[in-house]
Protein backbone atom coordinates (compact mmCIF):
# COMPACT_ATOMS: atom_id res chain seq x y z
CA ALA A 1 -13.03 13.59 36.89
CA ASP A 2 -11.51 14.95 39.91
CA ALA A 3 -9.14 12.52 42.12
CA PRO A 4 -10.47 11.47 45.32
CA PRO A 5 -8.53 13.06 48.11
CA VAL A 6 -5.73 11.21 49.60
CA VAL A 7 -4.64 11.36 53.34
CA ILE A 8 -0.89 9.66 54.27
CA LEU A 9 -0.53 8.66 57.69
CA GLU A 10 3.03 7.70 58.49
CA GLY A 11 4.55 5.66 61.25
CA PRO A 12 5.83 2.49 62.70
CA PHE A 13 2.37 1.37 63.57
CA ALA A 14 0.12 3.09 61.20
CA LEU A 15 -1.16 -0.20 59.52
CA TRP A 16 -1.08 -2.26 62.73
CA ALA A 17 -3.87 -0.13 64.53
CA PRO A 18 -7.53 -1.56 63.29
CA PRO A 19 -9.30 1.75 64.24
CA LEU A 20 -6.86 3.60 61.89
CA CYS A 21 -6.59 1.26 59.10
CA GLN A 22 -9.91 -0.10 58.73
CA PRO A 23 -11.40 3.03 57.09
CA MET A 24 -8.64 3.29 54.45
CA ALA A 25 -9.68 2.42 51.10
CA ARG A 26 -6.11 1.27 50.12
CA ARG A 27 -2.93 0.65 52.32
CA LEU A 28 0.73 0.97 51.43
CA LEU A 29 3.44 -0.29 53.53
CA LEU A 30 6.96 1.04 52.67
CA ARG A 31 9.03 -1.90 53.21
CA GLY A 32 12.78 -1.70 54.03
CA SER A 33 15.48 -3.89 55.47
CA GLN A 34 16.07 -4.37 58.93
CA THR A 35 19.35 -2.06 58.39
CA GLU A 36 17.19 0.53 56.49
CA VAL A 37 14.39 0.50 59.18
CA LEU A 38 16.93 0.71 61.93
CA ARG A 39 19.11 3.40 60.25
CA ARG A 40 16.18 5.66 59.85
CA ARG A 41 15.14 5.25 63.23
CA GLN A 42 18.52 5.87 64.71
CA ALA A 43 18.99 9.00 62.55
CA SER A 44 15.74 10.45 64.03
CA ALA A 45 16.10 9.68 68.03
CA PRO A 46 18.97 7.50 68.58
CA LEU A 47 18.37 4.75 71.02
CA ALA A 48 20.70 2.28 72.78
CA GLU A 49 22.02 -0.74 70.73
CA PRO A 50 21.02 -3.30 72.88
CA PHE A 51 17.40 -1.77 73.20
CA VAL A 52 17.32 -1.74 69.53
CA GLU A 53 18.52 -5.00 69.11
CA HIS A 54 16.19 -7.03 71.87
CA VAL A 55 13.10 -4.72 72.15
CA LEU A 56 12.74 -2.18 69.33
CA TRP A 57 13.29 -4.68 66.35
CA PRO A 58 11.10 -7.79 67.83
CA MET A 59 8.29 -5.35 68.44
CA TRP A 60 8.39 -4.25 65.07
CA LEU A 61 8.49 -7.41 63.72
CA GLN A 62 5.54 -8.81 66.07
CA HIS A 63 3.47 -5.01 66.01
CA GLY A 64 4.71 -3.36 63.02
CA GLN A 65 3.30 -5.22 60.16
CA PRO A 66 -0.25 -4.63 58.74
CA GLN A 67 -3.04 -6.25 60.56
CA VAL A 68 -5.94 -5.28 58.09
CA ALA A 69 -5.54 -6.79 54.51
CA PRO A 70 -5.19 -6.02 51.64
CA TRP A 71 -2.26 -3.86 51.23
CA GLU A 72 0.45 -2.96 48.75
CA GLU A 73 3.95 -2.98 49.28
CA ILE A 74 6.55 -0.63 47.98
CA ARG A 75 10.39 -1.87 48.44
CA ILE A 76 12.71 0.70 50.07
CA ASP A 77 16.35 0.45 49.18
CA ASP A 78 19.10 0.69 51.68
CA GLY A 79 20.35 4.36 52.10
CA VAL A 80 17.24 6.23 50.23
CA GLU A 81 16.56 9.48 52.07
CA GLY A 82 12.97 9.45 53.28
CA PHE A 83 12.31 13.11 52.76
CA PRO A 84 11.98 14.65 50.17
CA LEU A 85 10.53 11.34 48.69
CA PRO A 86 12.54 9.99 45.59
CA GLU A 87 10.28 11.08 42.39
CA GLY A 88 10.29 7.28 41.41
CA LEU A 89 8.90 6.42 44.95
CA VAL A 90 5.95 8.70 44.77
CA ASP A 91 5.09 7.55 41.01
CA GLU A 92 5.10 4.11 41.91
CA ALA A 93 2.84 4.96 45.03
CA LEU A 94 0.48 7.22 42.54
CA ASP A 95 0.33 4.11 40.30
CA LEU A 96 -0.44 1.52 43.04
CA LEU A 97 -3.37 4.17 44.12
CA GLY A 98 -4.61 4.49 40.37
CA LEU A 99 -3.68 7.89 40.60
CA LYS A 100 -1.70 8.05 37.39
CA ALA A 101 -0.33 11.61 37.71
CA SER A 102 3.43 12.75 37.69
CA VAL A 103 4.71 14.37 40.91
CA ALA A 104 4.63 18.07 38.47
CA ASP A 105 0.77 17.38 38.45
CA ALA A 106 0.15 16.65 41.89
CA SER A 107 -0.88 19.36 44.13
CA VAL A 108 0.42 18.17 47.59
CA GLU A 109 0.51 20.46 50.60
CA PRO A 110 2.72 19.16 53.62
CA LEU A 111 0.56 19.53 57.02
CA ALA A 112 3.35 18.72 59.30
CA ALA A 113 7.00 17.55 59.17
CA ASP A 114 9.64 16.89 62.16
CA ALA A 115 13.53 17.10 61.67
CA ALA A 116 13.46 13.04 60.62
CA GLY A 117 11.39 13.97 57.81
CA THR A 118 8.23 12.32 58.93
CA SER A 119 5.01 13.81 57.67
CA VAL A 120 1.57 14.03 57.04
CA VAL A 121 0.15 15.17 53.60
CA VAL A 122 -2.84 15.87 51.95
CA GLU A 123 -3.29 15.56 48.27
CA SER A 124 -6.43 17.16 46.66
């Protein structure tokens, strides 16, 4: 049987905005430590440290957590680069989605990517 199409939305509020996540059949949250989240954020567009400490991180804790249940979590280790995704992380995500295919078998086409490696992909 053909696997269902998969759309991956990535961003700090992708699982927070109910209009975005309510239609999703499955939700995955990449959970990283404060150190890792801030390292990735600062690598893409550096912000002043006081802003990061007193505004960005508290707002992430308040508004960056999933609002529509259920969701699955994948733990991101500190220092792991976000692009390209490590094969083990892709395999874990595919397993959670019930798509037990190896990365070599997946037909993944990037639709957009920025310098920080943020991407939206469609798997068909």
